[in-house]
Amino acid sequence: AQLTARTSLRDIETCLRAQQPSSITWFPSRV
């Protein structure tokens, strides 16, 4: 969130879910 300049929990969740299927294999589950 800090590196991608996310400003809210909703913003963090949306960004992580958008990236989840492809490039974020380091994260074990959906947040």
Full PDB file with SEQRES, HELIX, SHEET, SSBOND, CRYST1, ORIGX, SCALE, CONECT and MASTER records, all heavy atoms in Angstrom:
SEQRES   1 A   31  ALA GLN LEU THR ALA ARG THR SER LEU ARG ASP ILE GLU          
SEQRES   2 A   31  THR CYS LEU ARG ALA GLN GLN PRO SER SER ILE THR TRP          
SEQRES   3 A   31  PHE PRO SER ARG VAL                                          
HELIX    1 AA1 LEU A    9  GLN A   19  1                                  11    
CRYST1    1.000    1.000    1.000  90.00  90.00  90.00 P 1           1          
ORIGX1      1.000000  0.000000  0.000000        0.00000                         
ORIGX2      0.000000  1.000000  0.000000        0.00000                         
ORIGX3      0.000000  0.000000  1.000000        0.00000                         
SCALE1      1.000000  0.000000  0.000000        0.00000                         
SCALE2      0.000000  1.000000  0.000000        0.00000                         
SCALE3      0.000000  0.000000  1.000000        0.00000                         
ATOM      1  N   ALA A   1       0.831  -1.211   0.000  1.00  0.00           N  
ATOM      2  CA  ALA A   1       0.000   0.000   0.000  1.00  0.00           C  
ATOM      3  C   ALA A   1       0.865   1.260   0.000  1.00  0.00           C  
ATOM      4  O   ALA A   1       0.570   2.231  -0.712  1.00  0.00           O  
ATOM      5  CB  ALA A   1      -0.929   0.001   1.211  1.00  0.00           C  
ATOM      6  N   GLN A   2       1.923   1.241   0.772  1.00  0.00           N  
ATOM      7  CA  GLN A   2       2.809   2.405   0.836  1.00  0.00           C  
ATOM      8  C   GLN A   2       3.514   2.640  -0.503  1.00  0.00           C  
ATOM      9  O   GLN A   2       3.567   3.770  -1.002  1.00  0.00           O  
ATOM     10  CB  GLN A   2       3.852   2.196   1.938  1.00  0.00           C  
ATOM     11  CG  GLN A   2       4.763   3.358   2.163  1.00  0.00           C  
ATOM     12  CD  GLN A   2       4.063   4.532   2.825  1.00  0.00           C  
ATOM     13  OE1 GLN A   2       3.158   4.346   3.608  1.00  0.00           O  
ATOM     14  NE2 GLN A   2       4.487   5.727   2.504  1.00  0.00           N  
ATOM     15  N   LEU A   3       4.020   1.577  -1.100  1.00  0.00           N  
ATOM     16  CA  LEU A   3       4.760   1.710  -2.357  1.00  0.00           C  
ATOM     17  C   LEU A   3       3.860   2.076  -3.542  1.00  0.00           C  
ATOM     18  O   LEU A   3       4.324   2.684  -4.501  1.00  0.00           O  
ATOM     19  CB  LEU A   3       5.510   0.423  -2.672  1.00  0.00           C  
ATOM     20  CG  LEU A   3       6.675   0.091  -1.743  1.00  0.00           C  
ATOM     21  CD1 LEU A   3       7.243  -1.272  -2.070  1.00  0.00           C  
ATOM     22  CD2 LEU A   3       7.751   1.161  -1.819  1.00  0.00           C  
ATOM     23  N   THR A   4       2.600   1.708  -3.470  1.00  0.00           N  
ATOM     24  CA  THR A   4       1.680   2.011  -4.569  1.00  0.00           C  
ATOM     25  C   THR A   4       0.781   3.206  -4.262  1.00  0.00           C  
ATOM     26  O   THR A   4      -0.157   3.473  -5.002  1.00  0.00           O  
ATOM     27  CB  THR A   4       0.803   0.788  -4.908  1.00  0.00           C  
ATOM     28  OG1 THR A   4       0.085   0.379  -3.740  1.00  0.00           O  
ATOM     29  CG2 THR A   4       1.649  -0.345  -5.440  1.00  0.00           C  
ATOM     30  N   ALA A   5       1.070   3.899  -3.171  1.00  0.00           N  
ATOM     31  CA  ALA A   5       0.367   5.135  -2.779  1.00  0.00           C  
ATOM     32  C   ALA A   5      -1.141   4.925  -2.596  1.00  0.00           C  
ATOM     33  O   ALA A   5      -1.947   5.735  -3.021  1.00  0.00           O  
ATOM     34  CB  ALA A   5       0.640   6.250  -3.783  1.00  0.00           C  
ATOM     35  N   ARG A   6      -1.501   3.840  -1.946  1.00  0.00           N  
ATOM     36  CA  ARG A   6      -2.911   3.594  -1.626  1.00  0.00           C  
ATOM     37  C   ARG A   6      -3.285   4.451  -0.425  1.00  0.00           C  
ATOM     38  O   ARG A   6      -2.469   4.647   0.477  1.00  0.00           O  
ATOM     39  CB  ARG A   6      -3.185   2.125  -1.286  1.00  0.00           C  
ATOM     40  CG  ARG A   6      -2.798   1.137  -2.347  1.00  0.00           C  
ATOM     41  CD  ARG A   6      -3.620   1.308  -3.596  1.00  0.00           C  
ATOM     42  NE  ARG A   6      -2.723   1.706  -4.667  1.00  0.00           N  
ATOM     43  CZ  ARG A   6      -3.100   2.277  -5.793  1.00  0.00           C  
ATOM     44  NH1 ARG A   6      -4.351   2.551  -6.013  1.00  0.00           N  
ATOM     45  NH2 ARG A   6      -2.232   2.591  -6.708  1.00  0.00           N  
ATOM     46  N   THR A   7      -4.509   4.973  -0.397  1.00  0.00           N  
ATOM     47  CA  THR A   7      -4.885   5.930   0.643  1.00  0.00           C  
ATOM     48  C   THR A   7      -5.973   5.433   1.587  1.00  0.00           C  
ATOM     49  O   THR A   7      -6.258   6.092   2.570  1.00  0.00           O  
ATOM     50  CB  THR A   7      -5.368   7.248   0.005  1.00  0.00           C  
ATOM     51  OG1 THR A   7      -6.445   6.954  -0.885  1.00  0.00           O  
ATOM     52  CG2 THR A   7      -4.237   7.912  -0.748  1.00  0.00           C  
ATOM     53  N   SER A   8      -6.588   4.298   1.296  1.00  0.00           N  
ATOM     54  CA  SER A   8      -7.648   3.799   2.165  1.00  0.00           C  
ATOM     55  C   SER A   8      -7.670   2.277   2.126  1.00  0.00           C  
ATOM     56  O   SER A   8      -7.068   1.647   1.249  1.00  0.00           O  
ATOM     57  CB  SER A   8      -9.005   4.339   1.713  1.00  0.00           C  
ATOM     58  OG  SER A   8      -9.351   3.799   0.456  1.00  0.00           O  
ATOM     59  N   LEU A   9      -8.381   1.702   3.082  1.00  0.00           N  
ATOM     60  CA  LEU A   9      -8.501   0.248   3.108  1.00  0.00           C  
ATOM     61  C   LEU A   9      -9.204  -0.270   1.864  1.00  0.00           C  
ATOM     62  O   LEU A   9      -8.837  -1.304   1.301  1.00  0.00           O  
ATOM     63  CB  LEU A   9      -9.256  -0.203   4.356  1.00  0.00           C  
ATOM     64  CG  LEU A   9      -8.530   0.003   5.681  1.00  0.00           C  
ATOM     65  CD1 LEU A   9      -9.434  -0.396   6.838  1.00  0.00           C  
ATOM     66  CD2 LEU A   9      -7.247  -0.774   5.722  1.00  0.00           C  
ATOM     67  N   ARG A  10     -10.220   0.451   1.431  1.00  0.00           N  
ATOM     68  CA  ARG A  10     -10.940   0.054   0.216  1.00  0.00           C  
ATOM     69  C   ARG A  10     -10.006   0.100  -0.994  1.00  0.00           C  
ATOM     70  O   ARG A  10     -10.032  -0.773  -1.866  1.00  0.00           O  
ATOM     71  CB  ARG A  10     -12.136   0.970  -0.005  1.00  0.00           C  
ATOM     72  CG  ARG A  10     -13.019   0.548  -1.173  1.00  0.00           C  
ATOM     73  CD  ARG A  10     -14.204   1.491  -1.311  1.00  0.00           C  
ATOM     74  NE  ARG A  10     -14.984   1.628  -0.112  1.00  0.00           N  
ATOM     75  CZ  ARG A  10     -16.027   0.854   0.207  1.00  0.00           C  
ATOM     76  NH1 ARG A  10     -16.400  -0.104  -0.604  1.00  0.00           N  
ATOM     77  NH2 ARG A  10     -16.680   1.049   1.321  1.00  0.00           N  
ATOM     78  N   ASP A  11      -9.170   1.107  -1.045  1.00  0.00           N  
ATOM     79  CA  ASP A  11      -8.211   1.252  -2.136  1.00  0.00           C  
ATOM     80  C   ASP A  11      -7.186   0.117  -2.118  1.00  0.00           C  
ATOM     81  O   ASP A  11      -6.836  -0.448  -3.161  1.00  0.00           O  
ATOM     82  CB  ASP A  11      -7.522   2.611  -2.001  1.00  0.00           C  
ATOM     83  CG  ASP A  11      -6.832   3.062  -3.261  1.00  0.00           C  
ATOM     84  OD1 ASP A  11      -7.079   2.470  -4.326  1.00  0.00           O  
ATOM     85  OD2 ASP A  11      -6.053   4.034  -3.172  1.00  0.00           O  
ATOM     86  N   ILE A  12      -6.708  -0.245  -0.928  1.00  0.00           N  
ATOM     87  CA  ILE A  12      -5.758  -1.357  -0.791  1.00  0.00           C  
ATOM     88  C   ILE A  12      -6.406  -2.654  -1.258  1.00  0.00           C  
ATOM     89  O   ILE A  12      -5.826  -3.415  -2.041  1.00  0.00           O  
ATOM     90  CB  ILE A  12      -5.280  -1.489   0.670  1.00  0.00           C  
ATOM     91  CG1 ILE A  12      -4.467  -0.270   1.094  1.00  0.00           C  
ATOM     92  CG2 ILE A  12      -4.450  -2.764   0.851  1.00  0.00           C  
ATOM     93  CD1 ILE A  12      -4.203  -0.197   2.586  1.00  0.00           C  
ATOM     94  N   GLU A  13      -7.620  -2.907  -0.788  1.00  0.00           N  
ATOM     95  CA  GLU A  13      -8.329  -4.133  -1.148  1.00  0.00           C  
ATOM     96  C   GLU A  13      -8.549  -4.224  -2.659  1.00  0.00           C  
ATOM     97  O   GLU A  13      -8.300  -5.266  -3.274  1.00  0.00           O  
ATOM     98  CB  GLU A  13      -9.676  -4.183  -0.434  1.00  0.00           C  
ATOM     99  CG  GLU A  13     -10.524  -5.371  -0.815  1.00  0.00           C  
ATOM    100  CD  GLU A  13     -11.942  -5.252  -0.308  1.00  0.00           C  
ATOM    101  OE1 GLU A  13     -12.487  -4.142  -0.257  1.00  0.00           O  
ATOM    102  OE2 GLU A  13     -12.508  -6.306   0.007  1.00  0.00           O  
ATOM    103  N   THR A  14      -8.990  -3.141  -3.262  1.00  0.00           N  
ATOM    104  CA  THR A  14      -9.255  -3.123  -4.694  1.00  0.00           C  
ATOM    105  C   THR A  14      -7.988  -3.389  -5.496  1.00  0.00           C  
ATOM    106  O   THR A  14      -7.987  -4.190  -6.440  1.00  0.00           O  
ATOM    107  CB  THR A  14      -9.871  -1.779  -5.111  1.00  0.00           C  
ATOM    108  OG1 THR A  14     -11.051  -1.563  -4.345  1.00  0.00           O  
ATOM    109  CG2 THR A  14     -10.186  -1.741  -6.580  1.00  0.00           C  
ATOM    110  N   CYS A  15      -6.905  -2.743  -5.106  1.00  0.00           N  
ATOM    111  CA  CYS A  15      -5.646  -2.913  -5.827  1.00  0.00           C  
ATOM    112  C   CYS A  15      -5.115  -4.342  -5.682  1.00  0.00           C  
ATOM    113  O   CYS A  15      -4.669  -4.951  -6.651  1.00  0.00           O  
ATOM    114  CB  CYS A  15      -4.625  -1.908  -5.319  1.00  0.00           C  
ATOM    115  SG  CYS A  15      -3.117  -1.878  -6.276  1.00  0.00           S  
ATOM    116  N   LEU A  16      -5.171  -4.901  -4.478  1.00  0.00           N  
ATOM    117  CA  LEU A  16      -4.698  -6.265  -4.275  1.00  0.00           C  
ATOM    118  C   LEU A  16      -5.549  -7.274  -5.026  1.00  0.00           C  
ATOM    119  O   LEU A  16      -5.033  -8.229  -5.600  1.00  0.00           O  
ATOM    120  CB  LEU A  16      -4.677  -6.606  -2.781  1.00  0.00           C  
ATOM    121  CG  LEU A  16      -3.538  -5.999  -1.979  1.00  0.00           C  
ATOM    122  CD1 LEU A  16      -3.734  -6.276  -0.498  1.00  0.00           C  
ATOM    123  CD2 LEU A  16      -2.200  -6.529  -2.447  1.00  0.00           C  
ATOM    124  N   ARG A  17      -6.851  -7.077  -5.041  1.00  0.00           N  
ATOM    125  CA  ARG A  17      -7.724  -8.012  -5.754  1.00  0.00           C  
ATOM    126  C   ARG A  17      -7.542  -7.912  -7.260  1.00  0.00           C  
ATOM    127  O   ARG A  17      -7.687  -8.895  -7.974  1.00  0.00           O  
ATOM    128  CB  ARG A  17      -9.176  -7.779  -5.378  1.00  0.00           C  
ATOM    129  CG  ARG A  17      -9.458  -8.290  -3.989  1.00  0.00           C  
ATOM    130  CD  ARG A  17     -10.897  -8.385  -3.702  1.00  0.00           C  
ATOM    131  NE  ARG A  17     -11.056  -8.895  -2.349  1.00  0.00           N  
ATOM    132  CZ  ARG A  17     -12.197  -9.189  -1.817  1.00  0.00           C  
ATOM    133  NH1 ARG A  17     -13.303  -9.012  -2.500  1.00  0.00           N  
ATOM    134  NH2 ARG A  17     -12.267  -9.643  -0.594  1.00  0.00           N  
ATOM    135  N   ALA A  18      -7.231  -6.731  -7.748  1.00  0.00           N  
ATOM    136  CA  ALA A  18      -7.000  -6.579  -9.185  1.00  0.00           C  
ATOM    137  C   ALA A  18      -5.718  -7.283  -9.613  1.00  0.00           C  
ATOM    138  O   ALA A  18      -5.633  -7.812 -10.717  1.00  0.00           O  
ATOM    139  CB  ALA A  18      -6.923  -5.100  -9.547  1.00  0.00           C  
ATOM    140  N   GLN A  19      -4.732  -7.308  -8.738  1.00  0.00           N  
ATOM    141  CA  GLN A  19      -3.448  -7.931  -9.049  1.00  0.00           C  
ATOM    142  C   GLN A  19      -3.403  -9.414  -8.716  1.00  0.00           C  
ATOM    143  O   GLN A  19      -2.552 -10.128  -9.214  1.00  0.00           O  
ATOM    144  CB  GLN A  19      -2.327  -7.237  -8.266  1.00  0.00           C  
ATOM    145  CG  GLN A  19      -2.170  -5.782  -8.555  1.00  0.00           C  
ATOM    146  CD  GLN A  19      -1.667  -5.522  -9.955  1.00  0.00           C  
ATOM    147  OE1 GLN A  19      -0.885  -6.292 -10.476  1.00  0.00           O  
ATOM    148  NE2 GLN A  19      -2.119  -4.460 -10.557  1.00  0.00           N  
ATOM    149  N   GLN A  20      -4.296  -9.890  -7.884  1.00  0.00           N  
ATOM    150  CA  GLN A  20      -4.220 -11.238  -7.320  1.00  0.00           C  
ATOM    151  C   GLN A  20      -4.039 -12.364  -8.329  1.00  0.00           C  
ATOM    152  O   GLN A  20      -3.144 -13.163  -8.173  1.00  0.00           O  
ATOM    153  CB  GLN A  20      -5.458 -11.507  -6.456  1.00  0.00           C  
ATOM    154  CG  GLN A  20      -5.346 -12.758  -5.608  1.00  0.00           C  
ATOM    155  CD  GLN A  20      -4.396 -12.592  -4.456  1.00  0.00           C  
ATOM    156  OE1 GLN A  20      -4.241 -11.512  -3.938  1.00  0.00           O  
ATOM    157  NE2 GLN A  20      -3.761 -13.660  -4.067  1.00  0.00           N  
ATOM    158  N   PRO A  21      -4.852 -12.471  -9.353  1.00  0.00           N  
ATOM    159  CA  PRO A  21      -4.718 -13.656 -10.209  1.00  0.00           C  
ATOM    160  C   PRO A  21      -3.397 -13.739 -10.965  1.00  0.00           C  
ATOM    161  O   PRO A  21      -2.944 -14.828 -11.287  1.00  0.00           O  
ATOM    162  CB  PRO A  21      -5.873 -13.515 -11.203  1.00  0.00           C  
ATOM    163  CG  PRO A  21      -6.769 -12.493 -10.641  1.00  0.00           C  
ATOM    164  CD  PRO A  21      -5.952 -11.640  -9.746  1.00  0.00           C  
ATOM    165  N   SER A  22      -2.769 -12.622 -11.230  1.00  0.00           N  
ATOM    166  CA  SER A  22      -1.616 -12.669 -12.112  1.00  0.00           C  
ATOM    167  C   SER A  22      -0.278 -12.556 -11.405  1.00  0.00           C  
ATOM    168  O   SER A  22       0.500 -13.496 -11.397  1.00  0.00           O  
ATOM    169  CB  SER A  22      -1.737 -11.561 -13.155  1.00  0.00           C  
ATOM    170  OG  SER A  22      -1.811 -10.304 -12.508  1.00  0.00           O  
ATOM    171  N   SER A  23      -0.013 -11.438 -10.785  1.00  0.00           N  
ATOM    172  CA  SER A  23       1.369 -11.166 -10.391  1.00  0.00           C  
ATOM    173  C   SER A  23       1.664 -11.259  -8.909  1.00  0.00           C  
ATOM    174  O   SER A  23       2.820 -11.290  -8.531  1.00  0.00           O  
ATOM    175  CB  SER A  23       1.770  -9.780 -10.885  1.00  0.00           C  
ATOM    176  OG  SER A  23       0.949  -8.810 -10.279  1.00  0.00           O  
ATOM    177  N   ILE A  24       0.660 -11.286  -8.058  1.00  0.00           N  
ATOM    178  CA  ILE A  24       0.958 -11.308  -6.627  1.00  0.00           C  
ATOM    179  C   ILE A  24       0.856 -12.731  -6.118  1.00  0.00           C  
ATOM    180  O   ILE A  24      -0.108 -13.123  -5.491  1.00  0.00           O  
ATOM    181  CB  ILE A  24       0.021 -10.371  -5.847  1.00  0.00           C  
ATOM    182  CG1 ILE A  24       0.125  -8.959  -6.387  1.00  0.00           C  
ATOM    183  CG2 ILE A  24       0.392 -10.368  -4.372  1.00  0.00           C  
ATOM    184  CD1 ILE A  24      -0.693  -7.949  -5.659  1.00  0.00           C  
ATOM    185  N   THR A  25       1.867 -13.494  -6.383  1.00  0.00           N  
ATOM    186  CA  THR A  25       1.883 -14.873  -5.914  1.00  0.00           C  
ATOM    187  C   THR A  25       2.496 -14.966  -4.533  1.00  0.00           C  
ATOM    188  O   THR A  25       2.468 -16.029  -3.923  1.00  0.00           O  
ATOM    189  CB  THR A  25       2.672 -15.755  -6.886  1.00  0.00           C  
ATOM    190  OG1 THR A  25       3.993 -15.207  -7.018  1.00  0.00           O  
ATOM    191  CG2 THR A  25       1.992 -15.806  -8.235  1.00  0.00           C  
ATOM    192  N   TRP A  26       3.034 -13.877  -4.019  1.00  0.00           N  
ATOM    193  CA  TRP A  26       3.645 -13.871  -2.698  1.00  0.00           C  
ATOM    194  C   TRP A  26       2.607 -13.848  -1.606  1.00  0.00           C  
ATOM    195  O   TRP A  26       2.906 -14.122  -0.460  1.00  0.00           O  
ATOM    196  CB  TRP A  26       4.573 -12.669  -2.536  1.00  0.00           C  
ATOM    197  CG  TRP A  26       3.947 -11.370  -2.938  1.00  0.00           C  
ATOM    198  CD1 TRP A  26       4.048 -10.768  -4.154  1.00  0.00           C  
ATOM    199  CD2 TRP A  26       3.101 -10.524  -2.169  1.00  0.00           C  
ATOM    200  NE1 TRP A  26       3.321  -9.612  -4.171  1.00  0.00           N  
ATOM    201  CE2 TRP A  26       2.730  -9.430  -2.965  1.00  0.00           C  
ATOM    202  CE3 TRP A  26       2.624 -10.578  -0.873  1.00  0.00           C  
ATOM    203  CZ2 TRP A  26       1.911  -8.407  -2.516  1.00  0.00           C  
ATOM    204  CZ3 TRP A  26       1.803  -9.560  -0.419  1.00  0.00           C  
ATOM    205  CH2 TRP A  26       1.464  -8.496  -1.244  1.00  0.00           C  
ATOM    206  N   PHE A  27       1.343 -13.536  -1.952  1.00  0.00           N  
ATOM    207  CA  PHE A  27       0.334 -13.388  -0.916  1.00  0.00           C  
ATOM    208  C   PHE A  27      -0.571 -14.606  -0.891  1.00  0.00           C  
ATOM    209  O   PHE A  27      -1.113 -14.990  -1.910  1.00  0.00           O  
ATOM    210  CB  PHE A  27      -0.469 -12.113  -1.152  1.00  0.00           C  
ATOM    211  CG  PHE A  27      -1.071 -11.599   0.106  1.00  0.00           C  
ATOM    212  CD1 PHE A  27      -0.282 -11.011   1.065  1.00  0.00           C  
ATOM    213  CD2 PHE A  27      -2.411 -11.761   0.357  1.00  0.00           C  
ATOM    214  CE1 PHE A  27      -0.818 -10.568   2.247  1.00  0.00           C  
ATOM    215  CE2 PHE A  27      -2.965 -11.323   1.533  1.00  0.00           C  
ATOM    216  CZ  PHE A  27      -2.170 -10.717   2.483  1.00  0.00           C  
ATOM    217  N   PRO A  28      -0.728 -15.228   0.274  1.00  0.00           N  
ATOM    218  CA  PRO A  28      -1.412 -16.516   0.325  1.00  0.00           C  
ATOM    219  C   PRO A  28      -2.921 -16.486   0.115  1.00  0.00           C  
ATOM    220  O   PRO A  28      -3.497 -17.460  -0.315  1.00  0.00           O  
ATOM    221  CB  PRO A  28      -1.098 -17.025   1.729  1.00  0.00           C  
ATOM    222  CG  PRO A  28      -0.834 -15.802   2.527  1.00  0.00           C  
ATOM    223  CD  PRO A  28      -0.223 -14.818   1.560  1.00  0.00           C  
ATOM    224  N   SER A  29      -3.585 -15.411   0.432  1.00  0.00           N  
ATOM    225  CA  SER A  29      -5.038 -15.396   0.318  1.00  0.00           C  
ATOM    226  C   SER A  29      -5.535 -13.996  -0.029  1.00  0.00           C  
ATOM    227  O   SER A  29      -4.780 -13.039  -0.008  1.00  0.00           O  
ATOM    228  CB  SER A  29      -5.680 -15.850   1.630  1.00  0.00           C  
ATOM    229  OG  SER A  29      -5.338 -14.940   2.658  1.00  0.00           O  
ATOM    230  N   ARG A  30      -6.811 -13.910  -0.327  1.00  0.00           N  
ATOM    231  CA  ARG A  30      -7.407 -12.615  -0.627  1.00  0.00           C  
ATOM    232  C   ARG A  30      -7.583 -11.822   0.662  1.00  0.00           C  
ATOM    233  O   ARG A  30      -7.897 -12.377   1.709  1.00  0.00           O  
ATOM    234  CB  ARG A  30      -8.746 -12.811  -1.297  1.00  0.00           C  
ATOM    235  CG  ARG A  30      -8.602 -13.474  -2.650  1.00  0.00           C  
ATOM    236  CD  ARG A  30      -9.906 -13.678  -3.288  1.00  0.00           C  
ATOM    237  NE  ARG A  30     -10.468 -12.386  -3.669  1.00  0.00           N  
ATOM    238  CZ  ARG A  30     -11.520 -12.244  -4.442  1.00  0.00           C  
ATOM    239  NH1 ARG A  30     -12.121 -13.291  -4.926  1.00  0.00           N  
ATOM    240  NH2 ARG A  30     -11.971 -11.049  -4.743  1.00  0.00           N  
ATOM    241  N   VAL A  31      -7.402 -10.540   0.567  1.00  0.00           N  
ATOM    242  CA  VAL A  31      -7.501  -9.668   1.729  1.00  0.00           C  
ATOM    243  C   VAL A  31      -8.772  -8.843   1.626  1.00  0.00           C  
ATOM    244  O   VAL A  31      -9.025  -8.210   0.600  1.00  0.00           O  
ATOM    245  CB  VAL A  31      -6.287  -8.714   1.807  1.00  0.00           C  
ATOM    246  CG1 VAL A  31      -6.410  -7.804   2.997  1.00  0.00           C  
ATOM    247  CG2 VAL A  31      -5.012  -9.492   1.861  1.00  0.00           C  
TER     248      VAL A  31                                                      
MASTER        0    0    0    1    0    0    0    6  247    1    0    3          
END                                                                             
